[in-house]
Amino acid sequence: MQWTSAILLLTLATSGASQAAEINLSSATDFSRMEVLLKDDEGANPDLVQLSVTLTPEATERMAQISQESIGKPLTLSINGQPVSTATVHSALGRQFRMAIPRPVAKKLLPTLIE
């Protein structure tokens, strides 16, 4: 699969989270496609789970606007009400993106993705 938008590696940040912009996505209404990579022996960090998503047109507009306004600033991403990470935005995000989620966070998030 070709990812035309920026790849977003999200890691938990410990500082600046209270000043971060926020976006909350719903896997039921905002994702038109999602793929989870639980294990990759050749990956750089086995403690991360990869989540690749394709957003609906409406969610794409929201994400583009919020990420554009947040360039150079922290952005907290929540999925299904679960804070996934806070990361500094380097470019506006488009319809498709990939994130690396710490395994403990993924364990809480995964059950909500299949409901």
PDB file of N, CA and C in Angstrom:
ATOM      1  N   MET A   1       0.841  -1.172   0.000  1.00  0.00           N
ATOM      2  CA  MET A   1       0.000   0.000   0.000  1.00  0.00           C
ATOM      3  C   MET A   1       0.886   1.235   0.000  1.00  0.00           C
ATOM      4  N   GLN A   2       0.561   2.167  -0.847  1.00  0.00           N
ATOM      5  CA  GLN A   2       1.345   3.388  -0.935  1.00  0.00           C
ATOM      6  C   GLN A   2       0.715   4.452  -0.047  1.00  0.00           C
ATOM      7  N   TRP A   3       1.534   5.056   0.764  1.00  0.00           N
ATOM      8  CA  TRP A   3       1.062   6.105   1.659  1.00  0.00           C
ATOM      9  C   TRP A   3       1.527   7.434   1.090  1.00  0.00           C
ATOM     10  N   THR A   4       0.566   8.225   0.613  1.00  0.00           N
ATOM     11  CA  THR A   4       0.905   9.482  -0.034  1.00  0.00           C
ATOM     12  C   THR A   4       1.032  10.631   0.949  1.00  0.00           C
ATOM     13  N   SER A   5       0.477  10.489   2.105  1.00  0.00           N
ATOM     14  CA  SER A   5       0.602  11.563   3.087  1.00  0.00           C
ATOM     15  C   SER A   5       1.748  11.264   4.037  1.00  0.00           C
ATOM     16  N   ALA A   6       1.992  12.178   4.913  1.00  0.00           N
ATOM     17  CA  ALA A   6       3.106  12.050   5.853  1.00  0.00           C
ATOM     18  C   ALA A   6       2.901  10.836   6.744  1.00  0.00           C
ATOM     19  N   ILE A   7       3.991  10.160   7.034  1.00  0.00           N
ATOM     20  CA  ILE A   7       3.955   9.075   8.013  1.00  0.00           C
ATOM     21  C   ILE A   7       4.144   9.722   9.368  1.00  0.00           C
ATOM     22  N   LEU A   8       3.247   9.415  10.249  1.00  0.00           N
ATOM     23  CA  LEU A   8       3.280  10.034  11.556  1.00  0.00           C
ATOM     24  C   LEU A   8       3.677   8.987  12.577  1.00  0.00           C
ATOM     25  N   LEU A   9       4.862   9.151  13.127  1.00  0.00           N
ATOM     26  CA  LEU A   9       5.291   8.273  14.200  1.00  0.00           C
ATOM     27  C   LEU A   9       4.952   8.973  15.499  1.00  0.00           C
ATOM     28  N   LEU A  10       3.989   8.434  16.187  1.00  0.00           N
ATOM     29  CA  LEU A  10       3.530   9.061  17.405  1.00  0.00           C
ATOM     30  C   LEU A  10       4.111   8.345  18.609  1.00  0.00           C
ATOM     31  N   THR A  11       4.690   9.103  19.479  1.00  0.00           N
ATOM     32  CA  THR A  11       5.204   8.557  20.720  1.00  0.00           C
ATOM     33  C   THR A  11       4.674   9.402  21.858  1.00  0.00           C
ATOM     34  N   LEU A  12       4.527   8.787  22.989  1.00  0.00           N
ATOM     35  CA  LEU A  12       4.019   9.526  24.127  1.00  0.00           C
ATOM     36  C   LEU A  12       5.011  10.597  24.535  1.00  0.00           C
ATOM     37  N   ALA A  13       4.520  11.774  24.729  1.00  0.00           N
ATOM     38  CA  ALA A  13       5.354  12.885  25.172  1.00  0.00           C
ATOM     39  C   ALA A  13       5.005  13.181  26.618  1.00  0.00           C
ATOM     40  N   THR A  14       5.990  13.600  27.370  1.00  0.00           N
ATOM     41  CA  THR A  14       5.744  13.858  28.777  1.00  0.00           C
ATOM     42  C   THR A  14       5.641  15.331  29.090  1.00  0.00           C
ATOM     43  N   SER A  15       6.075  16.195  28.186  1.00  0.00           N
ATOM     44  CA  SER A  15       5.992  17.619  28.471  1.00  0.00           C
ATOM     45  C   SER A  15       5.164  18.317  27.410  1.00  0.00           C
ATOM     46  N   GLY A  16       4.507  19.371  27.810  1.00  0.00           N
ATOM     47  CA  GLY A  16       3.739  20.170  26.877  1.00  0.00           C
ATOM     48  C   GLY A  16       2.382  19.599  26.517  1.00  0.00           C
ATOM     49  N   ALA A  17       2.004  18.470  27.085  1.00  0.00           N
ATOM     50  CA  ALA A  17       0.746  17.847  26.705  1.00  0.00           C
ATOM     51  C   ALA A  17      -0.453  18.729  27.048  1.00  0.00           C
ATOM     52  N   SER A  18      -0.365  19.502  28.138  1.00  0.00           N
ATOM     53  CA  SER A  18      -1.496  20.334  28.518  1.00  0.00           C
ATOM     54  C   SER A  18      -1.723  21.471  27.531  1.00  0.00           C
ATOM     55  N   GLN A  19      -0.715  21.857  26.751  1.00  0.00           N
ATOM     56  CA  GLN A  19      -0.835  22.938  25.789  1.00  0.00           C
ATOM     57  C   GLN A  19      -1.095  22.412  24.379  1.00  0.00           C
ATOM     58  N   ALA A  20      -1.208  21.142  24.233  1.00  0.00           N
ATOM     59  CA  ALA A  20      -1.349  20.539  22.910  1.00  0.00           C
ATOM     60  C   ALA A  20      -2.758  20.738  22.358  1.00  0.00           C
ATOM     61  N   ALA A  21      -2.825  20.916  21.043  1.00  0.00           N
ATOM     62  CA  ALA A  21      -4.114  20.854  20.359  1.00  0.00           C
ATOM     63  C   ALA A  21      -4.585  19.408  20.443  1.00  0.00           C
ATOM     64  N   GLU A  22      -5.870  19.190  20.270  1.00  0.00           N
ATOM     65  CA  GLU A  22      -6.398  17.833  20.390  1.00  0.00           C
ATOM     66  C   GLU A  22      -7.296  17.496  19.214  1.00  0.00           C
ATOM     67  N   ILE A  23      -7.248  16.228  18.830  1.00  0.00           N
ATOM     68  CA  ILE A  23      -8.206  15.697  17.866  1.00  0.00           C
ATOM     69  C   ILE A  23      -8.617  14.319  18.360  1.00  0.00           C
ATOM     70  N   ASN A  24      -9.921  14.084  18.358  1.00  0.00           N
ATOM     71  CA  ASN A  24     -10.445  12.789  18.775  1.00  0.00           C
ATOM     72  C   ASN A  24     -11.111  12.143  17.567  1.00  0.00           C
ATOM     73  N   LEU A  25     -10.617  10.986  17.199  1.00  0.00           N
ATOM     74  CA  LEU A  25     -11.159  10.254  16.057  1.00  0.00           C
ATOM     75  C   LEU A  25     -11.936   9.036  16.546  1.00  0.00           C
ATOM     76  N   SER A  26     -12.979   8.704  15.830  1.00  0.00           N
ATOM     77  CA  SER A  26     -13.772   7.511  16.117  1.00  0.00           C
ATOM     78  C   SER A  26     -13.480   6.479  15.033  1.00  0.00           C
ATOM     79  N   SER A  27     -13.069   5.291  15.446  1.00  0.00           N
ATOM     80  CA  SER A  27     -12.786   4.258  14.444  1.00  0.00           C
ATOM     81  C   SER A  27     -14.056   3.864  13.689  1.00  0.00           C
ATOM     82  N   ALA A  28     -15.216   4.005  14.310  1.00  0.00           N
ATOM     83  CA  ALA A  28     -16.477   3.620  13.666  1.00  0.00           C
ATOM     84  C   ALA A  28     -16.917   4.617  12.602  1.00  0.00           C
ATOM     85  N   THR A  29     -16.672   5.899  12.821  1.00  0.00           N
ATOM     86  CA  THR A  29     -17.190   6.908  11.893  1.00  0.00           C
ATOM     87  C   THR A  29     -16.119   7.670  11.120  1.00  0.00           C
ATOM     88  N   ASP A  30     -14.894   7.711  11.622  1.00  0.00           N
ATOM     89  CA  ASP A  30     -13.843   8.506  10.980  1.00  0.00           C
ATOM     90  C   ASP A  30     -12.865   7.691  10.145  1.00  0.00           C
ATOM     91  N   PHE A  31     -12.830   6.385  10.328  1.00  0.00           N
ATOM     92  CA  PHE A  31     -11.900   5.537   9.576  1.00  0.00           C
ATOM     93  C   PHE A  31     -12.660   4.794   8.484  1.00  0.00           C
ATOM     94  N   SER A  32     -12.173   4.872   7.259  1.00  0.00           N
ATOM     95  CA  SER A  32     -12.747   4.048   6.195  1.00  0.00           C
ATOM     96  C   SER A  32     -11.942   2.764   6.034  1.00  0.00           C
ATOM     97  N   ARG A  33     -10.733   2.757   6.581  1.00  0.00           N
ATOM     98  CA  ARG A  33      -9.881   1.564   6.553  1.00  0.00           C
ATOM     99  C   ARG A  33      -8.868   1.678   7.682  1.00  0.00           C
ATOM    100  N   MET A  34      -8.556   0.534   8.312  1.00  0.00           N
ATOM    101  CA  MET A  34      -7.486   0.506   9.312  1.00  0.00           C
ATOM    102  C   MET A  34      -6.803  -0.847   9.276  1.00  0.00           C
ATOM    103  N   GLU A  35      -5.507  -0.807   9.481  1.00  0.00           N
ATOM    104  CA  GLU A  35      -4.695  -2.021   9.525  1.00  0.00           C
ATOM    105  C   GLU A  35      -3.802  -1.941  10.750  1.00  0.00           C
ATOM    106  N   VAL A  36      -3.673  -3.063  11.447  1.00  0.00           N
ATOM    107  CA  VAL A  36      -2.846  -3.122  12.639  1.00  0.00           C
ATOM    108  C   VAL A  36      -1.731  -4.128  12.406  1.00  0.00           C
ATOM    109  N   LEU A  37      -0.509  -3.714  12.656  1.00  0.00           N
ATOM    110  CA  LEU A  37       0.649  -4.605  12.598  1.00  0.00           C
ATOM    111  C   LEU A  37       1.090  -4.836  14.037  1.00  0.00           C
ATOM    112  N   LEU A  38       0.807  -6.033  14.552  1.00  0.00           N
ATOM    113  CA  LEU A  38       1.079  -6.330  15.951  1.00  0.00           C
ATOM    114  C   LEU A  38       2.522  -6.724  16.213  1.00  0.00           C
ATOM    115  N   LYS A  39       3.146  -7.350  15.217  1.00  0.00           N
ATOM    116  CA  LYS A  39       4.511  -7.822  15.427  1.00  0.00           C
ATOM    117  C   LYS A  39       5.284  -7.703  14.129  1.00  0.00           C
ATOM    118  N   ASP A  40       6.528  -7.232  14.263  1.00  0.00           N
ATOM    119  CA  ASP A  40       7.422  -7.119  13.116  1.00  0.00           C
ATOM    120  C   ASP A  40       8.838  -7.371  13.620  1.00  0.00           C
ATOM    121  N   ASP A  41       9.315  -8.600  13.447  1.00  0.00           N
ATOM    122  CA  ASP A  41      10.647  -8.961  13.937  1.00  0.00           C
ATOM    123  C   ASP A  41      11.752  -8.127  13.304  1.00  0.00           C
ATOM    124  N   GLU A  42      11.484  -7.573  12.135  1.00  0.00           N
ATOM    125  CA  GLU A  42      12.483  -6.750  11.463  1.00  0.00           C
ATOM    126  C   GLU A  42      12.298  -5.262  11.758  1.00  0.00           C
ATOM    127  N   GLY A  43      11.297  -4.925  12.540  1.00  0.00           N
ATOM    128  CA  GLY A  43      11.030  -3.531  12.876  1.00  0.00           C
ATOM    129  C   GLY A  43      12.056  -2.976  13.846  1.00  0.00           C
ATOM    130  N   ALA A  44      12.124  -1.667  13.903  1.00  0.00           N
ATOM    131  CA  ALA A  44      13.116  -0.997  14.746  1.00  0.00           C
ATOM    132  C   ALA A  44      12.809  -1.125  16.232  1.00  0.00           C
ATOM    133  N   ASN A  45      11.537  -1.210  16.601  1.00  0.00           N
ATOM    134  CA  ASN A  45      11.178  -1.255  18.011  1.00  0.00           C
ATOM    135  C   ASN A  45      10.035  -2.244  18.225  1.00  0.00           C
ATOM    136  N   PRO A  46      10.331  -3.383  18.837  1.00  0.00           N
ATOM    137  CA  PRO A  46       9.291  -4.401  19.044  1.00  0.00           C
ATOM    138  C   PRO A  46       8.241  -3.995  20.076  1.00  0.00           C
ATOM    139  N   ASP A  47       8.479  -2.905  20.806  1.00  0.00           N
ATOM    140  CA  ASP A  47       7.520  -2.461  21.811  1.00  0.00           C
ATOM    141  C   ASP A  47       6.446  -1.541  21.240  1.00  0.00           C
ATOM    142  N   LEU A  48       6.442  -1.385  19.918  1.00  0.00           N
ATOM    143  CA  LEU A  48       5.456  -0.531  19.270  1.00  0.00           C
ATOM    144  C   LEU A  48       4.538  -1.352  18.376  1.00  0.00           C
ATOM    145  N   VAL A  49       3.286  -0.954  18.324  1.00  0.00           N
ATOM    146  CA  VAL A  49       2.292  -1.543  17.432  1.00  0.00           C
ATOM    147  C   VAL A  49       2.001  -0.494  16.364  1.00  0.00           C
ATOM    148  N   GLN A  50       1.996  -0.909  15.100  1.00  0.00           N
ATOM    149  CA  GLN A  50       1.745   0.021  13.998  1.00  0.00           C
ATOM    150  C   GLN A  50       0.256   0.023  13.652  1.00  0.00           C
ATOM    151  N   LEU A  51      -0.323   1.208  13.579  1.00  0.00           N
ATOM    152  CA  LEU A  51      -1.709   1.361  13.155  1.00  0.00           C
ATOM    153  C   LEU A  51      -1.715   2.264  11.934  1.00  0.00           C
ATOM    154  N   SER A  52      -2.221   1.746  10.825  1.00  0.00           N
ATOM    155  CA  SER A  52      -2.344   2.515   9.585  1.00  0.00           C
ATOM    156  C   SER A  52      -3.822   2.772   9.351  1.00  0.00           C
ATOM    157  N   VAL A  53      -4.169   4.025   9.086  1.00  0.00           N
ATOM    158  CA  VAL A  53      -5.572   4.365   8.892  1.00  0.00           C
ATOM    159  C   VAL A  53      -5.775   5.181   7.622  1.00  0.00           C
ATOM    160  N   THR A  54      -6.955   5.024   7.068  1.00  0.00           N
ATOM    161  CA  THR A  54      -7.443   5.880   5.997  1.00  0.00           C
ATOM    162  C   THR A  54      -8.690   6.553   6.547  1.00  0.00           C
ATOM    163  N   LEU A  55      -8.712   7.863   6.492  1.00  0.00           N
ATOM    164  CA  LEU A  55      -9.818   8.627   7.052  1.00  0.00           C
ATOM    165  C   LEU A  55     -10.941   8.819   6.033  1.00  0.00           C
ATOM    166  N   THR A  56     -12.142   9.009   6.543  1.00  0.00           N
ATOM    167  CA  THR A  56     -13.272   9.386   5.700  1.00  0.00           C
ATOM    168  C   THR A  56     -13.030  10.814   5.198  1.00  0.00           C
ATOM    169  N   PRO A  57     -13.742  11.240   4.171  1.00  0.00           N
ATOM    170  CA  PRO A  57     -13.561  12.619   3.689  1.00  0.00           C
ATOM    171  C   PRO A  57     -13.786  13.678   4.779  1.00  0.00           C
ATOM    172  N   GLU A  58     -14.801  13.500   5.607  1.00  0.00           N
ATOM    173  CA  GLU A  58     -15.083  14.468   6.671  1.00  0.00           C
ATOM    174  C   GLU A  58     -13.950  14.508   7.692  1.00  0.00           C
ATOM    175  N   ALA A  59     -13.473  13.345   8.104  1.00  0.00           N
ATOM    176  CA  ALA A  59     -12.374  13.285   9.071  1.00  0.00           C
ATOM    177  C   ALA A  59     -11.083  13.816   8.459  1.00  0.00           C
ATOM    178  N   THR A  60     -10.896  13.601   7.157  1.00  0.00           N
ATOM    179  CA  THR A  60      -9.713  14.123   6.469  1.00  0.00           C
ATOM    180  C   THR A  60      -9.688  15.643   6.550  1.00  0.00           C
ATOM    181  N   GLU A  61     -10.827  16.274   6.343  1.00  0.00           N
ATOM    182  CA  GLU A  61     -10.896  17.736   6.432  1.00  0.00           C
ATOM    183  C   GLU A  61     -10.552  18.220   7.833  1.00  0.00           C
ATOM    184  N   ARG A  62     -11.117  17.574   8.849  1.00  0.00           N
ATOM    185  CA  ARG A  62     -10.823  17.952  10.240  1.00  0.00           C
ATOM    186  C   ARG A  62      -9.351  17.778  10.550  1.00  0.00           C
ATOM    187  N   MET A  63      -8.794  16.620  10.161  1.00  0.00           N
ATOM    188  CA  MET A  63      -7.388  16.337  10.448  1.00  0.00           C
ATOM    189  C   MET A  63      -6.479  17.334   9.739  1.00  0.00           C
ATOM    190  N   ALA A  64      -6.780  17.630   8.483  1.00  0.00           N
ATOM    191  CA  ALA A  64      -5.949  18.574   7.729  1.00  0.00           C
ATOM    192  C   ALA A  64      -5.972  19.952   8.379  1.00  0.00           C
ATOM    193  N   GLN A  65      -7.141  20.404   8.771  1.00  0.00           N
ATOM    194  CA  GLN A  65      -7.258  21.727   9.377  1.00  0.00           C
ATOM    195  C   GLN A  65      -6.520  21.796  10.708  1.00  0.00           C
ATOM    196  N   ILE A  66      -6.777  20.838  11.579  1.00  0.00           N
ATOM    197  CA  ILE A  66      -6.157  20.858  12.905  1.00  0.00           C
ATOM    198  C   ILE A  66      -4.650  20.671  12.807  1.00  0.00           C
ATOM    199  N   SER A  67      -4.195  19.752  11.959  1.00  0.00           N
ATOM    200  CA  SER A  67      -2.747  19.534  11.849  1.00  0.00           C
ATOM    201  C   SER A  67      -2.059  20.733  11.200  1.00  0.00           C
ATOM    202  N   GLN A  68      -2.697  21.374  10.229  1.00  0.00           N
ATOM    203  CA  GLN A  68      -2.120  22.574   9.602  1.00  0.00           C
ATOM    204  C   GLN A  68      -1.955  23.683  10.643  1.00  0.00           C
ATOM    205  N   GLU A  69      -2.960  23.861  11.479  1.00  0.00           N
ATOM    206  CA  GLU A  69      -2.914  24.886  12.521  1.00  0.00           C
ATOM    207  C   GLU A  69      -1.908  24.545  13.619  1.00  0.00           C
ATOM    208  N   SER A  70      -1.504  23.284  13.704  1.00  0.00           N
ATOM    209  CA  SER A  70      -0.629  22.828  14.782  1.00  0.00           C
ATOM    210  C   SER A  70       0.810  22.581  14.348  1.00  0.00           C
ATOM    211  N   ILE A  71       1.183  22.951  13.136  1.00  0.00           N
ATOM    212  CA  ILE A  71       2.559  22.711  12.682  1.00  0.00           C
ATOM    213  C   ILE A  71       3.532  23.378  13.648  1.00  0.00           C
ATOM    214  N   GLY A  72       4.505  22.586  14.079  1.00  0.00           N
ATOM    215  CA  GLY A  72       5.501  23.057  15.031  1.00  0.00           C
ATOM    216  C   GLY A  72       5.049  22.994  16.477  1.00  0.00           C
ATOM    217  N   LYS A  73       3.832  22.521  16.699  1.00  0.00           N
ATOM    218  CA  LYS A  73       3.262  22.449  18.042  1.00  0.00           C
ATOM    219  C   LYS A  73       2.857  21.010  18.344  1.00  0.00           C
ATOM    220  N   PRO A  74       2.665  20.699  19.622  1.00  0.00           N
ATOM    221  CA  PRO A  74       2.197  19.358  19.963  1.00  0.00           C
ATOM    222  C   PRO A  74       0.720  19.175  19.623  1.00  0.00           C
ATOM    223  N   LEU A  75       0.382  17.962  19.232  1.00  0.00           N
ATOM    224  CA  LEU A  75      -0.995  17.581  18.924  1.00  0.00           C
ATOM    225  C   LEU A  75      -1.273  16.256  19.623  1.00  0.00           C
ATOM    226  N   THR A  76      -2.316  16.229  20.426  1.00  0.00           N
ATOM    227  CA  THR A  76      -2.719  14.996  21.093  1.00  0.00           C
ATOM    228  C   THR A  76      -3.774  14.313  20.239  1.00  0.00           C
ATOM    229  N   LEU A  77      -3.526  13.059  19.923  1.00  0.00           N
ATOM    230  CA  LEU A  77      -4.450  12.258  19.128  1.00  0.00           C
ATOM    231  C   LEU A  77      -5.111  11.234  20.036  1.00  0.00           C
ATOM    232  N   SER A  78      -6.438  11.238  20.020  1.00  0.00           N
ATOM    233  CA  SER A  78      -7.209  10.233  20.747  1.00  0.00           C
ATOM    234  C   SER A  78      -8.030   9.453  19.736  1.00  0.00           C
ATOM    235  N   ILE A  79      -8.167   8.173  19.991  1.00  0.00           N
ATOM    236  CA  ILE A  79      -9.007   7.320  19.163  1.00  0.00           C
ATOM    237  C   ILE A  79     -10.010   6.653  20.088  1.00  0.00           C
ATOM    238  N   ASN A  80     -11.276   6.792  19.762  1.00  0.00           N
ATOM    239  CA  ASN A  80     -12.357   6.228  20.575  1.00  0.00           C
ATOM    240  C   ASN A  80     -12.270   6.689  22.029  1.00  0.00           C
ATOM    241  N   GLY A  81     -11.878   7.945  22.219  1.00  0.00           N
ATOM    242  CA  GLY A  81     -11.775   8.509  23.558  1.00  0.00           C
ATOM    243  C   GLY A  81     -10.519   8.127  24.309  1.00  0.00           C
ATOM    244  N   GLN A  82      -9.683   7.288  23.728  1.00  0.00           N
ATOM    245  CA  GLN A  82      -8.442   6.825  24.359  1.00  0.00           C
ATOM    246  C   GLN A  82      -7.277   7.674  23.856  1.00  0.00           C
ATOM    247  N   PRO A  83      -6.636   8.471  24.726  1.00  0.00           N
ATOM    248  CA  PRO A  83      -5.460   9.216  24.273  1.00  0.00           C
ATOM    249  C   PRO A  83      -4.382   8.247  23.797  1.00  0.00           C
ATOM    250  N   VAL A  84      -3.969   8.418  22.563  1.00  0.00           N
ATOM    251  CA  VAL A  84      -2.982   7.526  21.969  1.00  0.00           C
ATOM    252  C   VAL A  84      -1.588   8.122  22.099  1.00  0.00           C
ATOM    253  N   SER A  85      -1.455   9.398  21.802  1.00  0.00           N
ATOM    254  CA  SER A  85      -0.139  10.014  21.890  1.00  0.00           C
ATOM    255  C   SER A  85      -0.212  11.515  21.717  1.00  0.00           C
ATOM    256  N   THR A  86       0.886  12.134  22.052  1.00  0.00           N
ATOM    257  CA  THR A  86       1.094  13.548  21.788  1.00  0.00           C
ATOM    258  C   THR A  86       2.415  13.657  21.059  1.00  0.00           C
ATOM    259  N   ALA A  87       2.393  14.328  19.922  1.00  0.00           N
ATOM    260  CA  ALA A  87       3.604  14.478  19.113  1.00  0.00           C
ATOM    261  C   ALA A  87       3.608  15.855  18.472  1.00  0.00           C
ATOM    262  N   THR A  88       4.786  16.326  18.127  1.00  0.00           N
ATOM    263  CA  THR A  88       4.914  17.590  17.417  1.00  0.00           C
ATOM    264  C   THR A  88       4.571  17.374  15.953  1.00  0.00           C
ATOM    265  N   VAL A  89       3.726  18.235  15.418  1.00  0.00           N
ATOM    266  CA  VAL A  89       3.302  18.140  14.024  1.00  0.00           C
ATOM    267  C   VAL A  89       4.350  18.825  13.151  1.00  0.00           C
ATOM    268  N   HIS A  90       4.826  18.105  12.132  1.00  0.00           N
ATOM    269  CA  HIS A  90       5.831  18.651  11.216  1.00  0.00           C
ATOM    270  C   HIS A  90       5.231  19.028   9.871  1.00  0.00           C
ATOM    271  N   SER A  91       4.074  18.472   9.546  1.00  0.00           N
ATOM    272  CA  SER A  91       3.390  18.827   8.303  1.00  0.00           C
ATOM    273  C   SER A  91       1.919  18.462   8.454  1.00  0.00           C
ATOM    274  N   ALA A  92       1.098  19.084   7.630  1.00  0.00           N
ATOM    275  CA  ALA A  92      -0.330  18.777   7.668  1.00  0.00           C
ATOM    276  C   ALA A  92      -0.544  17.324   7.264  1.00  0.00           C
ATOM    277  N   LEU A  93      -1.450  16.687   7.951  1.00  0.00           N
ATOM    278  CA  LEU A  93      -1.737  15.283   7.674  1.00  0.00           C
ATOM    279  C   LEU A  93      -2.880  15.177   6.681  1.00  0.00           C
ATOM    280  N   GLY A  94      -2.818  14.140   5.882  1.00  0.00           N
ATOM    281  CA  GLY A  94      -3.838  13.915   4.872  1.00  0.00           C
ATOM    282  C   GLY A  94      -4.733  12.753   5.218  1.00  0.00           C
ATOM    283  N   ARG A  95      -5.224  12.114   4.192  1.00  0.00           N
ATOM    284  CA  ARG A  95      -6.211  11.044   4.327  1.00  0.00           C
ATOM    285  C   ARG A  95      -5.635   9.782   4.949  1.00  0.00           C
ATOM    286  N   GLN A  96      -4.380   9.489   4.661  1.00  0.00           N
ATOM    287  CA  GLN A  96      -3.764   8.263   5.174  1.00  0.00           C
ATOM    288  C   GLN A  96      -2.566   8.617   6.041  1.00  0.00           C
ATOM    289  N   PHE A  97      -2.451   7.900   7.134  1.00  0.00           N
ATOM    290  CA  PHE A  97      -1.258   8.050   7.955  1.00  0.00           C
ATOM    291  C   PHE A  97      -1.041   6.789   8.771  1.00  0.00           C
ATOM    292  N   ARG A  98       0.153   6.692   9.283  1.00  0.00           N
ATOM    293  CA  ARG A  98       0.565   5.532  10.065  1.00  0.00           C
ATOM    294  C   ARG A  98       1.127   6.051  11.379  1.00  0.00           C
ATOM    295  N   MET A  99       0.817   5.358  12.447  1.00  0.00           N
ATOM    296  CA  MET A  99       1.348   5.754  13.745  1.00  0.00           C
ATOM    297  C   MET A  99       1.901   4.542  14.472  1.00  0.00           C
ATOM    298  N   ALA A 100       2.916   4.789  15.263  1.00  0.00           N
ATOM    299  CA  ALA A 100       3.505   3.759  16.109  1.00  0.00           C
ATOM    300  C   ALA A 100       2.988   4.001  17.522  1.00  0.00           C
ATOM    301  N   ILE A 101       2.321   3.004  18.065  1.00  0.00           N
ATOM    302  CA  ILE A 101       1.679   3.143  19.370  1.00  0.00           C
ATOM    303  C   ILE A 101       2.399   2.248  20.372  1.00  0.00           C
ATOM    304  N   PRO A 102       2.772   2.782  21.528  1.00  0.00           N
ATOM    305  CA  PRO A 102       3.383   1.936  22.554  1.00  0.00           C
ATOM    306  C   PRO A 102       2.452   0.769  22.901  1.00  0.00           C
ATOM    307  N   ARG A 103       3.030  -0.398  23.082  1.00  0.00           N
ATOM    308  CA  ARG A 103       2.246  -1.611  23.315  1.00  0.00           C
ATOM    309  C   ARG A 103       1.242  -1.480  24.474  1.00  0.00           C
ATOM    310  N   PRO A 104       1.591  -0.881  25.623  1.00  0.00           N
ATOM    311  CA  PRO A 104       0.587  -0.753  26.697  1.00  0.00           C
ATOM    312  C   PRO A 104      -0.634   0.077  26.278  1.00  0.00           C
ATOM    313  N   VAL A 105      -0.414   1.115  25.488  1.00  0.00           N
ATOM    314  CA  VAL A 105      -1.528   1.926  24.990  1.00  0.00           C
ATOM    315  C   VAL A 105      -2.345   1.111  23.991  1.00  0.00           C
ATOM    316  N   ALA A 106      -1.669   0.373  23.124  1.00  0.00           N
ATOM    317  CA  ALA A 106      -2.351  -0.449  22.117  1.00  0.00           C
ATOM    318  C   ALA A 106      -3.238  -1.508  22.774  1.00  0.00           C
ATOM    319  N   LYS A 107      -2.796  -2.066  23.892  1.00  0.00           N
ATOM    320  CA  LYS A 107      -3.601  -3.080  24.582  1.00  0.00           C
ATOM    321  C   LYS A 107      -4.936  -2.518  25.047  1.00  0.00           C
ATOM    322  N   LYS A 108      -4.957  -1.246  25.419  1.00  0.00           N
ATOM    323  CA  LYS A 108      -6.209  -0.605  25.826  1.00  0.00           C
ATOM    324  C   LYS A 108      -7.049  -0.209  24.614  1.00  0.00           C
ATOM    325  N   LEU A 109      -6.380   0.172  23.534  1.00  0.00           N
ATOM    326  CA  LEU A 109      -7.074   0.669  22.353  1.00  0.00           C
ATOM    327  C   LEU A 109      -7.677  -0.441  21.495  1.00  0.00           C
ATOM    328  N   LEU A 110      -6.966  -1.539  21.313  1.00  0.00           N
ATOM    329  CA  LEU A 110      -7.388  -2.581  20.372  1.00  0.00           C
ATOM    330  C   LEU A 110      -8.816  -3.084  20.581  1.00  0.00           C
ATOM    331  N   PRO A 111      -9.256  -3.358  21.808  1.00  0.00           N
ATOM    332  CA  PRO A 111     -10.641  -3.829  21.951  1.00  0.00           C
ATOM    333  C   PRO A 111     -11.669  -2.826  21.428  1.00  0.00           C
ATOM    334  N   THR A 112     -11.378  -1.536  21.507  1.00  0.00           N
ATOM    335  CA  THR A 112     -12.335  -0.533  21.033  1.00  0.00           C
ATOM    336  C   THR A 112     -12.374  -0.470  19.513  1.00  0.00           C
ATOM    337  N   LEU A 113     -11.332  -0.936  18.849  1.00  0.00           N
ATOM    338  CA  LEU A 113     -11.287  -0.894  17.392  1.00  0.00           C
ATOM    339  C   LEU A 113     -12.183  -1.944  16.752  1.00  0.00           C
ATOM    340  N   ILE A 114     -12.494  -3.009  17.487  1.00  0.00           N
ATOM    341  CA  ILE A 114     -13.286  -4.090  16.903  1.00  0.00           C
ATOM    342  C   ILE A 114     -14.730  -4.111  17.398  1.00  0.00           C
ATOM    343  N   GLU A 115     -15.103  -3.141  18.188  1.00  0.00           N
ATOM    344  CA  GLU A 115     -16.487  -3.075  18.681  1.00  0.00           C
ATOM    345  C   GLU A 115     -17.399  -2.532  17.626  1.00  0.00           C
TER     346      GLU A 115
END
